[in-house]
N, C-alpha and C. Protein backbone atom coordinates (compact mmCIF):
# COMPACT_ATOMS: atom_id res chain seq x y z
N UNK A 1 121.06 39.97 24.46
CA UNK A 1 120.35 39.21 25.48
C UNK A 1 119.14 40.01 25.94
N UNK A 2 117.98 39.37 25.93
CA UNK A 2 116.77 40.07 26.34
C UNK A 2 116.45 39.80 27.80
N UNK A 3 115.83 40.79 28.42
CA UNK A 3 115.42 40.67 29.81
C UNK A 3 114.02 40.07 29.83
N UNK A 4 113.88 38.85 30.30
CA UNK A 4 112.59 38.18 30.25
C UNK A 4 112.02 37.95 31.64
N UNK A 5 110.71 37.81 31.66
CA UNK A 5 109.98 37.46 32.87
C UNK A 5 109.59 36.01 32.75
N UNK A 6 109.76 35.26 33.79
CA UNK A 6 109.46 33.83 33.71
C UNK A 6 107.99 33.57 34.00
N UNK A 7 107.67 32.34 34.21
CA UNK A 7 106.32 31.81 34.32
C UNK A 7 105.36 32.66 35.13
N UNK A 8 104.16 32.80 34.60
CA UNK A 8 103.04 33.41 35.33
C UNK A 8 101.94 32.36 35.33
N UNK A 9 101.46 32.06 36.50
CA UNK A 9 100.43 31.04 36.64
C UNK A 9 99.04 31.65 36.52
N UNK A 10 98.05 30.80 36.57
CA UNK A 10 96.68 31.20 36.27
C UNK A 10 96.17 32.33 37.16
N UNK A 11 96.50 32.35 38.43
CA UNK A 11 96.01 33.42 39.31
C UNK A 11 96.49 34.80 38.87
N UNK A 12 97.71 34.86 38.35
CA UNK A 12 98.23 36.13 37.84
C UNK A 12 97.56 36.50 36.51
N UNK A 13 97.27 35.51 35.68
CA UNK A 13 96.59 35.74 34.40
C UNK A 13 95.19 36.28 34.66
N UNK A 14 94.49 35.72 35.65
CA UNK A 14 93.13 36.16 35.97
C UNK A 14 93.08 37.61 36.45
N UNK A 15 94.19 38.12 36.95
CA UNK A 15 94.24 39.53 37.36
C UNK A 15 94.31 40.47 36.16
N UNK A 16 94.68 39.93 35.00
CA UNK A 16 94.85 40.75 33.80
C UNK A 16 93.70 40.56 32.82
N UNK A 17 93.32 39.31 32.55
CA UNK A 17 92.28 39.03 31.55
C UNK A 17 90.88 39.13 32.15
N UNK A 18 89.94 39.70 31.40
CA UNK A 18 88.56 39.72 31.88
C UNK A 18 87.83 38.40 31.63
N UNK A 19 88.32 37.56 30.72
CA UNK A 19 87.64 36.31 30.39
C UNK A 19 87.70 35.33 31.55
N UNK A 20 86.67 34.52 31.65
CA UNK A 20 86.58 33.46 32.66
C UNK A 20 86.09 32.18 31.99
N UNK A 21 86.20 31.07 32.72
CA UNK A 21 85.71 29.79 32.22
C UNK A 21 84.26 29.95 31.79
N UNK A 22 83.87 29.39 30.67
CA UNK A 22 84.63 28.50 29.78
C UNK A 22 85.36 29.22 28.65
N UNK A 23 85.47 30.54 28.72
CA UNK A 23 86.07 31.28 27.61
C UNK A 23 87.53 31.66 27.85
N UNK A 24 88.07 31.34 29.00
CA UNK A 24 89.47 31.60 29.28
C UNK A 24 90.32 30.55 28.58
N UNK A 25 91.22 30.99 27.69
CA UNK A 25 91.96 30.05 26.85
C UNK A 25 93.48 30.15 27.03
N UNK A 26 93.91 30.63 28.20
CA UNK A 26 95.34 30.69 28.53
C UNK A 26 95.50 30.09 29.92
N UNK A 27 96.37 29.09 30.04
CA UNK A 27 96.60 28.45 31.32
C UNK A 27 97.85 28.96 32.04
N UNK A 28 98.82 29.43 31.27
CA UNK A 28 100.09 29.83 31.87
C UNK A 28 100.85 30.73 30.89
N UNK A 29 101.62 31.64 31.43
CA UNK A 29 102.56 32.42 30.63
C UNK A 29 103.94 31.85 30.90
N UNK A 30 104.63 31.48 29.84
CA UNK A 30 105.94 30.85 29.97
C UNK A 30 107.09 31.85 29.91
N UNK A 31 106.92 32.89 29.09
CA UNK A 31 108.02 33.82 28.90
C UNK A 31 107.49 35.12 28.32
N UNK A 32 108.15 36.23 28.65
CA UNK A 32 107.81 37.52 28.08
C UNK A 32 108.91 38.52 28.38
N UNK A 33 109.02 39.52 27.53
CA UNK A 33 109.87 40.65 27.87
C UNK A 33 109.01 41.78 28.44
N UNK A 34 107.69 41.56 28.50
CA UNK A 34 106.77 42.52 29.06
C UNK A 34 106.37 43.65 28.13
N UNK A 35 106.95 43.68 26.93
CA UNK A 35 106.69 44.78 26.00
C UNK A 35 106.39 44.31 24.59
N UNK A 36 107.23 43.44 24.04
CA UNK A 36 107.10 43.10 22.62
C UNK A 36 106.79 41.63 22.32
N UNK A 37 107.00 40.75 23.28
CA UNK A 37 106.68 39.34 23.00
C UNK A 37 106.21 38.63 24.26
N UNK A 38 105.42 37.58 24.02
CA UNK A 38 104.94 36.75 25.12
C UNK A 38 104.68 35.35 24.59
N UNK A 39 104.93 34.37 25.44
CA UNK A 39 104.66 32.98 25.12
C UNK A 39 103.71 32.44 26.18
N UNK A 40 102.57 31.91 25.73
CA UNK A 40 101.58 31.35 26.64
C UNK A 40 101.36 29.87 26.37
N UNK A 41 100.62 29.24 27.25
CA UNK A 41 100.35 27.82 27.17
C UNK A 41 98.87 27.56 27.38
N UNK A 42 98.32 26.68 26.56
CA UNK A 42 96.93 26.22 26.72
C UNK A 42 96.93 24.71 26.62
N UNK A 43 96.49 24.06 27.69
CA UNK A 43 96.32 22.61 27.68
C UNK A 43 94.92 22.31 27.18
N UNK A 44 94.82 21.56 26.11
CA UNK A 44 93.53 21.24 25.50
C UNK A 44 93.08 19.88 26.02
N UNK A 45 91.93 19.86 26.72
CA UNK A 45 91.45 18.60 27.29
C UNK A 45 90.07 18.24 26.73
N UNK A 46 89.72 17.00 26.84
CA UNK A 46 88.41 16.53 26.36
C UNK A 46 87.27 17.16 27.17
N UNK A 47 87.58 17.71 28.34
CA UNK A 47 86.55 18.34 29.18
C UNK A 47 86.11 19.71 28.67
N UNK A 48 86.77 20.25 27.65
CA UNK A 48 86.38 21.56 27.12
C UNK A 48 84.94 21.48 26.62
N UNK A 49 84.09 22.45 26.99
CA UNK A 49 82.67 22.37 26.63
C UNK A 49 82.40 22.37 25.12
N UNK A 50 83.27 22.99 24.33
CA UNK A 50 83.02 23.04 22.88
C UNK A 50 83.16 21.69 22.21
N UNK A 51 83.88 20.74 22.84
CA UNK A 51 84.02 19.42 22.22
C UNK A 51 82.72 18.63 22.21
N UNK A 52 81.75 19.00 23.03
CA UNK A 52 80.46 18.31 23.02
C UNK A 52 79.77 18.44 21.67
N UNK A 53 80.00 19.55 20.99
CA UNK A 53 79.33 19.76 19.71
C UNK A 53 80.26 19.95 18.54
N UNK A 54 81.57 19.91 18.75
CA UNK A 54 82.53 20.21 17.67
C UNK A 54 83.67 19.23 17.68
N UNK A 55 83.63 18.14 17.24
CA UNK A 55 82.50 17.34 16.79
C UNK A 55 82.45 16.13 17.68
N UNK A 56 81.28 15.66 18.10
CA UNK A 56 81.20 14.60 19.11
C UNK A 56 82.00 13.33 18.79
N UNK A 57 82.01 12.91 17.53
CA UNK A 57 82.74 11.68 17.17
C UNK A 57 84.17 11.94 16.71
N UNK A 58 84.52 13.22 16.51
CA UNK A 58 85.87 13.59 16.08
C UNK A 58 86.17 14.97 16.65
N UNK A 59 86.50 15.07 17.95
CA UNK A 59 86.67 16.38 18.60
C UNK A 59 87.84 17.18 18.02
N UNK A 60 87.51 18.41 17.57
CA UNK A 60 88.49 19.34 17.02
C UNK A 60 88.22 20.71 17.65
N UNK A 61 89.26 21.38 18.13
CA UNK A 61 89.11 22.71 18.69
C UNK A 61 88.72 23.67 17.57
N UNK A 62 87.64 24.44 17.75
CA UNK A 62 87.20 25.38 16.70
C UNK A 62 88.28 26.42 16.39
N UNK A 63 88.43 26.71 15.11
CA UNK A 63 89.43 27.67 14.66
C UNK A 63 89.26 29.04 15.29
N UNK A 64 88.02 29.46 15.45
CA UNK A 64 87.77 30.78 16.04
C UNK A 64 88.30 30.84 17.47
N UNK A 65 88.28 29.73 18.20
CA UNK A 65 88.83 29.70 19.56
C UNK A 65 90.36 29.66 19.55
N UNK A 66 90.94 29.10 18.52
CA UNK A 66 92.40 29.16 18.38
C UNK A 66 92.84 30.61 18.20
N UNK A 67 92.11 31.35 17.37
CA UNK A 67 92.43 32.76 17.17
C UNK A 67 92.19 33.54 18.47
N UNK A 68 91.13 33.20 19.18
CA UNK A 68 90.85 33.85 20.47
C UNK A 68 91.99 33.58 21.47
N UNK A 69 92.56 32.39 21.45
CA UNK A 69 93.69 32.09 22.34
C UNK A 69 94.89 32.99 22.01
N UNK A 70 95.14 33.20 20.71
CA UNK A 70 96.20 34.14 20.31
C UNK A 70 95.90 35.53 20.87
N UNK A 71 94.65 35.95 20.71
CA UNK A 71 94.24 37.28 21.15
C UNK A 71 94.39 37.43 22.67
N UNK A 72 94.03 36.41 23.42
CA UNK A 72 94.12 36.51 24.88
C UNK A 72 95.56 36.64 25.35
N UNK A 73 96.47 35.92 24.73
CA UNK A 73 97.88 36.10 25.09
C UNK A 73 98.32 37.51 24.72
N UNK A 74 97.84 38.02 23.59
CA UNK A 74 98.14 39.39 23.21
C UNK A 74 97.64 40.41 24.22
N UNK A 75 96.43 40.19 24.74
CA UNK A 75 95.88 41.10 25.75
C UNK A 75 96.71 41.05 27.03
N UNK A 76 97.12 39.87 27.45
CA UNK A 76 97.97 39.76 28.64
C UNK A 76 99.26 40.54 28.41
N UNK A 77 99.83 40.43 27.21
CA UNK A 77 101.05 41.17 26.90
C UNK A 77 100.82 42.68 27.00
N UNK A 78 99.74 43.17 26.41
CA UNK A 78 99.50 44.61 26.39
C UNK A 78 99.15 45.18 27.76
N UNK A 79 98.43 44.41 28.58
CA UNK A 79 97.95 44.94 29.86
C UNK A 79 98.78 44.53 31.07
N UNK A 80 99.65 43.59 30.90
CA UNK A 80 100.36 42.99 32.03
C UNK A 80 101.04 44.01 32.94
N UNK A 81 101.80 44.93 32.41
CA UNK A 81 102.52 45.88 33.25
C UNK A 81 101.78 47.18 33.49
N UNK A 82 100.56 47.29 32.97
CA UNK A 82 99.79 48.54 33.08
C UNK A 82 99.06 48.57 34.42
N UNK A 83 99.45 49.49 35.29
CA UNK A 83 98.81 49.59 36.61
C UNK A 83 97.35 50.04 36.51
N UNK A 84 96.98 50.67 35.41
CA UNK A 84 95.59 51.11 35.23
C UNK A 84 94.79 50.13 34.37
N UNK A 85 95.27 48.87 34.29
CA UNK A 85 94.64 47.89 33.41
C UNK A 85 93.18 47.62 33.72
N UNK A 86 92.76 47.81 34.97
CA UNK A 86 91.37 47.54 35.33
C UNK A 86 90.42 48.58 34.75
N UNK A 87 90.96 49.67 34.26
CA UNK A 87 90.13 50.70 33.63
C UNK A 87 90.26 50.66 32.11
N UNK A 88 90.87 49.60 31.57
CA UNK A 88 91.12 49.49 30.12
C UNK A 88 90.41 48.27 29.54
N UNK A 89 90.10 48.38 28.25
CA UNK A 89 89.61 47.26 27.45
C UNK A 89 90.45 47.19 26.19
N UNK A 90 90.55 46.01 25.62
CA UNK A 90 91.21 45.83 24.33
C UNK A 90 90.14 45.39 23.35
N UNK A 91 89.93 46.21 22.31
CA UNK A 91 88.97 45.88 21.25
C UNK A 91 89.76 45.44 20.02
N UNK A 92 89.48 44.23 19.55
CA UNK A 92 90.14 43.76 18.35
C UNK A 92 89.45 44.33 17.13
N UNK A 93 90.26 44.81 16.20
CA UNK A 93 89.73 45.48 15.02
C UNK A 93 90.03 44.75 13.73
N UNK A 94 90.88 43.73 13.78
CA UNK A 94 91.17 43.01 12.55
C UNK A 94 91.93 41.73 12.78
N UNK A 95 91.68 40.80 11.88
CA UNK A 95 92.41 39.54 11.84
C UNK A 95 92.85 39.38 10.39
N UNK A 96 94.16 39.36 10.16
CA UNK A 96 94.70 39.26 8.81
C UNK A 96 95.64 38.08 8.71
N UNK A 97 95.81 37.61 7.50
CA UNK A 97 96.77 36.54 7.19
C UNK A 97 96.58 35.33 8.10
N UNK A 98 95.34 35.01 8.40
CA UNK A 98 95.04 33.88 9.28
C UNK A 98 95.08 32.58 8.49
N UNK A 99 95.82 31.62 9.01
CA UNK A 99 95.93 30.31 8.38
C UNK A 99 95.86 29.23 9.44
N UNK A 100 95.08 28.21 9.15
CA UNK A 100 94.99 27.05 10.03
C UNK A 100 95.80 25.94 9.36
N UNK A 101 96.78 25.45 10.07
CA UNK A 101 97.73 24.50 9.48
C UNK A 101 97.48 23.05 9.86
N UNK A 102 96.92 22.83 11.06
CA UNK A 102 96.62 21.46 11.48
C UNK A 102 95.54 21.51 12.56
N UNK A 103 94.73 20.46 12.68
CA UNK A 103 93.70 20.45 13.72
C UNK A 103 94.32 20.33 15.11
N UNK A 104 93.61 20.89 16.07
CA UNK A 104 94.00 20.78 17.49
C UNK A 104 92.96 19.90 18.16
N UNK A 105 93.42 18.87 18.85
CA UNK A 105 92.54 17.86 19.42
C UNK A 105 92.83 17.68 20.91
N UNK A 106 91.92 17.03 21.64
CA UNK A 106 92.17 16.80 23.07
C UNK A 106 93.52 16.11 23.29
N UNK A 107 94.21 16.58 24.32
CA UNK A 107 95.53 16.05 24.64
C UNK A 107 96.65 16.91 24.09
N UNK A 108 96.33 17.81 23.14
CA UNK A 108 97.35 18.71 22.61
C UNK A 108 97.67 19.81 23.61
N UNK A 109 98.86 20.33 23.51
CA UNK A 109 99.27 21.47 24.31
C UNK A 109 99.68 22.56 23.32
N UNK A 110 98.99 23.70 23.42
CA UNK A 110 99.28 24.83 22.53
C UNK A 110 100.36 25.72 23.14
N UNK A 111 101.39 25.97 22.40
CA UNK A 111 102.39 26.97 22.75
C UNK A 111 102.04 28.20 21.91
N UNK A 112 101.61 29.25 22.58
CA UNK A 112 101.07 30.42 21.91
C UNK A 112 102.10 31.54 21.97
N UNK A 113 102.59 31.96 20.81
CA UNK A 113 103.63 32.98 20.73
C UNK A 113 103.06 34.23 20.07
N UNK A 114 103.22 35.37 20.73
CA UNK A 114 102.70 36.64 20.22
C UNK A 114 103.81 37.68 20.25
N UNK A 115 103.93 38.42 19.14
CA UNK A 115 104.92 39.50 19.02
C UNK A 115 104.23 40.76 18.54
N UNK A 116 104.55 41.89 19.16
CA UNK A 116 104.03 43.17 18.70
C UNK A 116 104.81 43.57 17.44
N UNK A 117 104.07 43.84 16.36
CA UNK A 117 104.70 44.28 15.12
C UNK A 117 104.81 45.79 15.07
N UNK A 118 103.71 46.48 15.40
CA UNK A 118 103.70 47.94 15.39
C UNK A 118 102.81 48.46 16.51
N UNK A 119 103.13 49.68 16.94
CA UNK A 119 102.29 50.37 17.92
C UNK A 119 102.25 51.84 17.53
N UNK A 120 101.04 52.39 17.48
CA UNK A 120 100.83 53.82 17.27
C UNK A 120 99.82 54.27 18.30
N UNK A 121 100.29 54.99 19.27
CA UNK A 121 99.45 55.46 20.36
C UNK A 121 98.75 54.26 21.01
N UNK A 122 97.44 54.14 20.87
CA UNK A 122 96.69 53.03 21.48
C UNK A 122 96.38 51.90 20.50
N UNK A 123 96.90 51.97 19.29
CA UNK A 123 96.67 50.95 18.26
C UNK A 123 97.88 50.01 18.21
N UNK A 124 97.58 48.71 18.15
CA UNK A 124 98.64 47.70 18.10
C UNK A 124 98.35 46.71 16.98
N UNK A 125 99.40 46.24 16.36
CA UNK A 125 99.31 45.11 15.43
C UNK A 125 100.28 44.06 15.93
N UNK A 126 99.78 42.83 16.08
CA UNK A 126 100.57 41.73 16.61
C UNK A 126 100.53 40.54 15.67
N UNK A 127 101.57 39.76 15.71
CA UNK A 127 101.60 38.49 14.99
C UNK A 127 101.60 37.38 16.02
N UNK A 128 100.71 36.41 15.82
CA UNK A 128 100.64 35.29 16.74
C UNK A 128 100.65 33.97 16.02
N UNK A 129 101.14 32.98 16.72
CA UNK A 129 101.05 31.61 16.22
C UNK A 129 100.91 30.67 17.40
N UNK A 130 100.18 29.60 17.17
CA UNK A 130 100.04 28.56 18.18
C UNK A 130 100.61 27.27 17.59
N UNK A 131 101.48 26.65 18.36
CA UNK A 131 102.15 25.44 17.90
C UNK A 131 101.78 24.24 18.77
N UNK A 132 101.72 23.09 18.14
CA UNK A 132 101.54 21.81 18.83
C UNK A 132 102.73 20.94 18.45
N UNK A 133 103.48 20.52 19.44
CA UNK A 133 104.68 19.71 19.20
C UNK A 133 105.62 20.35 18.18
N UNK A 134 105.75 21.67 18.23
CA UNK A 134 106.65 22.39 17.33
C UNK A 134 106.09 22.70 15.96
N UNK A 135 104.88 22.23 15.67
CA UNK A 135 104.25 22.47 14.37
C UNK A 135 103.17 23.54 14.50
N UNK A 136 103.14 24.46 13.54
CA UNK A 136 102.16 25.54 13.59
C UNK A 136 100.76 25.00 13.35
N UNK A 137 99.86 25.29 14.30
CA UNK A 137 98.44 24.92 14.15
C UNK A 137 97.65 26.09 13.57
N UNK A 138 97.97 27.31 14.02
CA UNK A 138 97.31 28.51 13.53
C UNK A 138 98.30 29.66 13.60
N UNK A 139 98.15 30.59 12.65
CA UNK A 139 98.93 31.81 12.67
C UNK A 139 98.06 32.94 12.13
N UNK A 140 98.29 34.15 12.66
CA UNK A 140 97.48 35.29 12.23
C UNK A 140 98.13 36.59 12.69
N UNK A 141 97.75 37.67 12.02
CA UNK A 141 98.08 39.01 12.48
C UNK A 141 96.81 39.61 13.06
N UNK A 142 96.92 40.18 14.24
CA UNK A 142 95.77 40.73 14.96
C UNK A 142 95.97 42.21 15.19
N UNK A 143 94.93 42.99 14.91
CA UNK A 143 94.96 44.43 15.17
C UNK A 143 94.00 44.73 16.30
N UNK A 144 94.37 45.70 17.15
CA UNK A 144 93.50 46.04 18.27
C UNK A 144 93.76 47.45 18.75
N UNK A 145 92.82 47.96 19.53
CA UNK A 145 92.96 49.26 20.16
C UNK A 145 92.75 49.12 21.65
N UNK A 146 93.57 49.82 22.41
CA UNK A 146 93.46 49.87 23.85
C UNK A 146 92.60 51.10 24.19
N UNK A 147 91.47 50.87 24.86
CA UNK A 147 90.53 51.97 25.14
C UNK A 147 90.20 52.00 26.62
N UNK A 148 89.71 53.16 27.07
CA UNK A 148 89.23 53.28 28.44
C UNK A 148 87.87 52.64 28.56
N UNK A 149 87.64 51.93 29.67
CA UNK A 149 86.32 51.36 29.93
C UNK A 149 85.32 52.49 30.09
N UNK A 150 84.08 52.24 29.64
CA UNK A 150 83.04 53.24 29.88
C UNK A 150 82.85 53.46 31.40
N UNK A 151 82.46 54.65 31.77
CA UNK A 151 82.29 55.00 33.18
C UNK A 151 81.29 54.10 33.91
N UNK A 152 80.25 53.63 33.22
CA UNK A 152 79.18 52.87 33.87
C UNK A 152 79.45 51.37 33.96
N UNK A 153 80.66 50.90 33.65
CA UNK A 153 80.90 49.45 33.72
C UNK A 153 81.63 49.04 34.96
């Protein structure tokens, strides 16, 4: 039996993630053990600014933003319990085994699942997937490094 933390709403997410609208792609955290896994939620609405141009007559969430949503849940996982998180940045260094399985459209709800695969000092490799109605929309392995913010920022 794992010890999990329940729902975290947007105000708590904003304390961890540096991204803001329109680039914030996590609405809620549903579950986490605080160390190795996290489940997030993104409600996809027609009001998203990227739908104006991608594509006006057939709105589809851009794949790069789906991967960014995976990454943002990963960042919340890595920084969530870190009391010095305001002095840290997460730099992504790789995206591997990325596959897009189905389009994501307005009205979809993304269930974003991220698991830490390996950790060496400040280097992490995570596996993420985003599901719509139980079906995988995107999956990828993400590599990143946790670094100190520069003094002048």
